[in-house]
Amino acid sequence: MDAIDRKILAVLQENAALSVAEIGSRVGLSSTPCWKRIQRLEADGVIQKRVALVDQDKIGLGVTVFVSVETGDHSQDWLDRFAKVVGAMPEVMEFYRMAGDVDYMLRVVVPDIAGYDAFYKRLIAAVPLTNVTSRFAMEKIKSTTALPVP
């Protein structure tokens, strides 16, 4: 990946709806070579997909909760079951296995506290957990999907 590919990625992360001609203009290429580079970046899995970003508040999902999960079972069978259950929960936006004192971290979006309570009850009923700690976000200060392309 060269400097032009990196410029293309920066432009696409800012606005993936731009035409290939506009992207090419911004990075110093004509349409055809720009299109070929984008196709290669997609084929190589660098560009995973292009999506629309939706304002969670405007669709009634105003509560963000960071959920720390600790378990006493670290077997592959337990993890497979837990990952399947959590992966199927639409409220879970991000799901990480962690190093340190917390085993897993989830970012969850729900309409309200009652919505989180329902989610929490489904989560704890699905698999055995040692500890679940919920931290409610009071204010979103920064949120971006654009990676800092080196």
C-alpha atoms as a PDB file:
ATOM      1  CA  MET A   1       0.000   0.000   0.000  1.00  0.00           C
ATOM      2  CA  ASP A   2       1.483   3.332  -1.038  1.00  0.00           C
ATOM      3  CA  ALA A   3       0.794   6.990  -0.229  1.00  0.00           C
ATOM      4  CA  ILE A   4      -1.968   7.278  -2.853  1.00  0.00           C
ATOM      5  CA  ASP A   5      -3.781   4.247  -1.425  1.00  0.00           C
ATOM      6  CA  ARG A   6      -3.584   5.870   1.999  1.00  0.00           C
ATOM      7  CA  LYS A   7      -5.005   9.120   0.613  1.00  0.00           C
ATOM      8  CA  ILE A   8      -7.845   7.163  -0.998  1.00  0.00           C
ATOM      9  CA  LEU A   9      -8.606   5.519   2.351  1.00  0.00           C
ATOM     10  CA  ALA A  10      -8.637   8.884   4.120  1.00  0.00           C
ATOM     11  CA  VAL A  11     -11.036  10.331   1.519  1.00  0.00           C
ATOM     12  CA  LEU A  12     -13.350   7.298   1.624  1.00  0.00           C
ATOM     13  CA  GLN A  13     -13.468   7.350   5.425  1.00  0.00           C
ATOM     14  CA  GLU A  14     -14.573  10.971   5.266  1.00  0.00           C
ATOM     15  CA  ASN A  15     -17.226  10.396   2.563  1.00  0.00           C
ATOM     16  CA  ALA A  16     -17.675   7.035   0.838  1.00  0.00           C
ATOM     17  CA  ALA A  17     -20.507   8.453  -1.286  1.00  0.00           C
ATOM     18  CA  LEU A  18     -18.124  10.509  -3.442  1.00  0.00           C
ATOM     19  CA  SER A  19     -17.835   9.546  -7.089  1.00  0.00           C
ATOM     20  CA  VAL A  20     -14.678   7.790  -8.250  1.00  0.00           C
ATOM     21  CA  ALA A  21     -13.899  10.888 -10.340  1.00  0.00           C
ATOM     22  CA  GLU A  22     -14.082  13.125  -7.234  1.00  0.00           C
ATOM     23  CA  ILE A  23     -11.961  10.726  -5.174  1.00  0.00           C
ATOM     24  CA  GLY A  24      -9.431  10.571  -7.996  1.00  0.00           C
ATOM     25  CA  SER A  25      -9.351  14.356  -8.230  1.00  0.00           C
ATOM     26  CA  ARG A  26      -8.643  14.633  -4.501  1.00  0.00           C
ATOM     27  CA  VAL A  27      -5.763  12.141  -4.621  1.00  0.00           C
ATOM     28  CA  GLY A  28      -4.281  13.124  -7.995  1.00  0.00           C
ATOM     29  CA  LEU A  29      -5.526  10.261 -10.186  1.00  0.00           C
ATOM     30  CA  SER A  30      -7.882   9.910 -13.116  1.00  0.00           C
ATOM     31  CA  SER A  31     -11.018   7.811 -12.649  1.00  0.00           C
ATOM     32  CA  THR A  32      -9.832   4.471 -14.037  1.00  0.00           C
ATOM     33  CA  PRO A  33      -6.637   4.081 -11.976  1.00  0.00           C
ATOM     34  CA  CYS A  34      -8.491   5.341  -8.907  1.00  0.00           C
ATOM     35  CA  TRP A  35     -11.293   2.826  -9.452  1.00  0.00           C
ATOM     36  CA  LYS A  36      -8.732   0.015  -9.884  1.00  0.00           C
ATOM     37  CA  ARG A  37      -7.034   0.949  -6.629  1.00  0.00           C
ATOM     38  CA  ILE A  38     -10.349   1.012  -4.763  1.00  0.00           C
ATOM     39  CA  GLN A  39     -11.241  -2.378  -6.233  1.00  0.00           C
ATOM     40  CA  ARG A  40      -7.857  -3.787  -5.120  1.00  0.00           C
ATOM     41  CA  LEU A  41      -8.256  -2.339  -1.614  1.00  0.00           C
ATOM     42  CA  GLU A  42     -11.681  -4.010  -1.415  1.00  0.00           C
ATOM     43  CA  ALA A  43     -10.375  -7.332  -2.786  1.00  0.00           C
ATOM     44  CA  ASP A  44      -7.497  -7.273  -0.284  1.00  0.00           C
ATOM     45  CA  GLY A  45      -9.946  -6.691   2.586  1.00  0.00           C
ATOM     46  CA  VAL A  46      -8.484  -3.285   3.484  1.00  0.00           C
ATOM     47  CA  ILE A  47     -11.871  -1.735   2.694  1.00  0.00           C
ATOM     48  CA  GLN A  48     -14.301  -4.095   4.384  1.00  0.00           C
ATOM     49  CA  LYS A  49     -17.558  -2.393   3.408  1.00  0.00           C
ATOM     50  CA  ARG A  50     -19.161   0.989   2.845  1.00  0.00           C
ATOM     51  CA  VAL A  51     -21.978   1.997   5.171  1.00  0.00           C
ATOM     52  CA  ALA A  52     -24.202   4.886   6.211  1.00  0.00           C
ATOM     53  CA  LEU A  53     -23.573   6.219   9.715  1.00  0.00           C
ATOM     54  CA  VAL A  54     -26.804   6.764  11.636  1.00  0.00           C
ATOM     55  CA  ASP A  55     -27.300   9.131  14.583  1.00  0.00           C
ATOM     56  CA  GLN A  56     -28.285   6.817  17.443  1.00  0.00           C
ATOM     57  CA  ASP A  57     -30.151   9.563  19.325  1.00  0.00           C
ATOM     58  CA  LYS A  58     -32.338  10.382  16.317  1.00  0.00           C
ATOM     59  CA  ILE A  59     -33.513   6.775  16.079  1.00  0.00           C
ATOM     60  CA  GLY A  60     -34.288   6.449  19.780  1.00  0.00           C
ATOM     61  CA  LEU A  61     -31.136   4.721  21.025  1.00  0.00           C
ATOM     62  CA  GLY A  62     -29.950   7.470  23.353  1.00  0.00           C
ATOM     63  CA  VAL A  63     -28.307   5.362  26.060  1.00  0.00           C
ATOM     64  CA  THR A  64     -24.776   3.973  25.639  1.00  0.00           C
ATOM     65  CA  VAL A  65     -23.511   1.477  28.195  1.00  0.00           C
ATOM     66  CA  PHE A  66     -20.007   0.062  28.522  1.00  0.00           C
ATOM     67  CA  VAL A  67     -20.328  -3.398  30.014  1.00  0.00           C
ATOM     68  CA  SER A  68     -17.376  -5.194  31.648  1.00  0.00           C
ATOM     69  CA  VAL A  69     -17.745  -8.952  31.929  1.00  0.00           C
ATOM     70  CA  GLU A  70     -15.704 -11.321  34.080  1.00  0.00           C
ATOM     71  CA  THR A  71     -15.963 -15.089  33.904  1.00  0.00           C
ATOM     72  CA  GLY A  72     -14.500 -17.983  35.826  1.00  0.00           C
ATOM     73  CA  ASP A  73     -14.590 -20.227  32.762  1.00  0.00           C
ATOM     74  CA  HIS A  74     -11.936 -19.543  30.136  1.00  0.00           C
ATOM     75  CA  SER A  75     -12.515 -22.646  28.025  1.00  0.00           C
ATOM     76  CA  GLN A  76     -12.920 -22.487  24.258  1.00  0.00           C
ATOM     77  CA  ASP A  77     -16.388 -24.051  24.527  1.00  0.00           C
ATOM     78  CA  TRP A  78     -17.526 -21.308  26.926  1.00  0.00           C
ATOM     79  CA  LEU A  79     -16.056 -18.574  24.718  1.00  0.00           C
ATOM     80  CA  ASP A  80     -17.688 -20.010  21.599  1.00  0.00           C
ATOM     81  CA  ARG A  81     -21.080 -20.066  23.334  1.00  0.00           C
ATOM     82  CA  PHE A  82     -20.633 -16.580  24.814  1.00  0.00           C
ATOM     83  CA  ALA A  83     -19.475 -15.122  21.484  1.00  0.00           C
ATOM     84  CA  LYS A  84     -22.445 -16.665  19.681  1.00  0.00           C
ATOM     85  CA  VAL A  85     -24.943 -15.301  22.232  1.00  0.00           C
ATOM     86  CA  VAL A  86     -23.434 -11.807  22.428  1.00  0.00           C
ATOM     87  CA  GLY A  87     -22.846 -11.631  18.668  1.00  0.00           C
ATOM     88  CA  ALA A  88     -26.556 -12.223  18.086  1.00  0.00           C
ATOM     89  CA  MET A  89     -27.636  -9.382  20.400  1.00  0.00           C
ATOM     90  CA  PRO A  90     -28.383  -6.355  18.202  1.00  0.00           C
ATOM     91  CA  GLU A  91     -27.784  -3.915  21.069  1.00  0.00           C
ATOM     92  CA  VAL A  92     -24.083  -4.868  21.156  1.00  0.00           C
ATOM     93  CA  MET A  93     -22.145  -2.503  18.893  1.00  0.00           C
ATOM     94  CA  GLU A  94     -18.657  -3.662  19.875  1.00  0.00           C
ATOM     95  CA  PHE A  95     -17.379  -6.761  21.652  1.00  0.00           C
ATOM     96  CA  TYR A  96     -13.778  -7.243  22.790  1.00  0.00           C
ATOM     97  CA  ARG A  97     -11.793  -9.890  24.661  1.00  0.00           C
ATOM     98  CA  MET A  98      -9.555  -7.954  27.039  1.00  0.00           C
ATOM     99  CA  ALA A  99      -6.254  -8.330  28.852  1.00  0.00           C
ATOM    100  CA  GLY A 100      -6.178  -7.312  32.503  1.00  0.00           C
ATOM    101  CA  ASP A 101      -8.765  -7.518  35.265  1.00  0.00           C
ATOM    102  CA  VAL A 102     -11.783  -7.585  32.899  1.00  0.00           C
ATOM    103  CA  ASP A 103     -12.288 -10.501  30.521  1.00  0.00           C
ATOM    104  CA  TYR A 104     -14.693  -8.921  27.984  1.00  0.00           C
ATOM    105  CA  MET A 105     -15.908  -5.414  27.194  1.00  0.00           C
ATOM    106  CA  LEU A 106     -19.098  -4.570  25.334  1.00  0.00           C
ATOM    107  CA  ARG A 107     -20.432  -1.292  23.992  1.00  0.00           C
ATOM    108  CA  VAL A 108     -24.212  -1.485  24.103  1.00  0.00           C
ATOM    109  CA  VAL A 109     -26.828   0.975  22.816  1.00  0.00           C
ATOM    110  CA  VAL A 110     -30.408   0.924  24.073  1.00  0.00           C
ATOM    111  CA  PRO A 111     -33.369   3.316  24.140  1.00  0.00           C
ATOM    112  CA  ASP A 112     -33.472   3.722  27.927  1.00  0.00           C
ATOM    113  CA  ILE A 113     -32.702   2.135  31.298  1.00  0.00           C
ATOM    114  CA  ALA A 114     -35.574  -0.342  30.925  1.00  0.00           C
ATOM    115  CA  GLY A 115     -34.099  -1.393  27.582  1.00  0.00           C
ATOM    116  CA  TYR A 116     -30.748  -1.974  29.241  1.00  0.00           C
ATOM    117  CA  ASP A 117     -32.384  -3.945  32.056  1.00  0.00           C
ATOM    118  CA  ALA A 118     -33.999  -6.267  29.497  1.00  0.00           C
ATOM    119  CA  PHE A 119     -30.645  -6.667  27.705  1.00  0.00           C
ATOM    120  CA  TYR A 120     -28.857  -7.341  31.014  1.00  0.00           C
ATOM    121  CA  LYS A 121     -31.358 -10.039  32.003  1.00  0.00           C
ATOM    122  CA  ARG A 122     -30.913 -11.789  28.630  1.00  0.00           C
ATOM    123  CA  LEU A 123     -27.120 -11.571  28.952  1.00  0.00           C
ATOM    124  CA  ILE A 124     -26.873 -13.057  32.448  1.00  0.00           C
ATOM    125  CA  ALA A 125     -29.387 -15.799  31.618  1.00  0.00           C
ATOM    126  CA  ALA A 126     -27.466 -16.907  28.522  1.00  0.00           C
ATOM    127  CA  VAL A 127     -24.156 -18.077  30.004  1.00  0.00           C
ATOM    128  CA  PRO A 128     -22.612 -18.293  33.472  1.00  0.00           C
ATOM    129  CA  LEU A 129     -20.771 -15.073  34.369  1.00  0.00           C
ATOM    130  CA  THR A 130     -18.781 -14.125  37.472  1.00  0.00           C
ATOM    131  CA  ASN A 131     -19.301 -10.368  37.345  1.00  0.00           C
ATOM    132  CA  VAL A 132     -21.016  -7.835  35.082  1.00  0.00           C
ATOM    133  CA  THR A 133     -20.326  -4.132  35.602  1.00  0.00           C
ATOM    134  CA  SER A 134     -22.261  -1.477  33.693  1.00  0.00           C
ATOM    135  CA  ARG A 135     -21.005   2.052  33.071  1.00  0.00           C
ATOM    136  CA  PHE A 136     -23.487   4.493  31.566  1.00  0.00           C
ATOM    137  CA  ALA A 137     -22.124   7.200  29.264  1.00  0.00           C
ATOM    138  CA  MET A 138     -23.275  10.648  30.315  1.00  0.00           C
ATOM    139  CA  GLU A 139     -22.043  12.532  27.237  1.00  0.00           C
ATOM    140  CA  LYS A 140     -20.428  11.583  23.936  1.00  0.00           C
ATOM    141  CA  ILE A 141     -17.429  13.876  23.568  1.00  0.00           C
ATOM    142  CA  LYS A 142     -15.785  12.298  20.520  1.00  0.00           C
ATOM    143  CA  SER A 143     -16.942   9.576  18.199  1.00  0.00           C
ATOM    144  CA  THR A 144     -15.376   8.697  14.872  1.00  0.00           C
ATOM    145  CA  THR A 145     -15.145   5.728  12.576  1.00  0.00           C
ATOM    146  CA  ALA A 146     -12.205   7.138  10.604  1.00  0.00           C
ATOM    147  CA  LEU A 147      -8.914   5.438  11.378  1.00  0.00           C
ATOM    148  CA  PRO A 148      -5.807   7.642  11.434  1.00  0.00           C
ATOM    149  CA  VAL A 149      -4.226   6.302   8.236  1.00  0.00           C
ATOM    150  CA  PRO A 150      -0.430   6.518   8.722  1.00  0.00           C
END
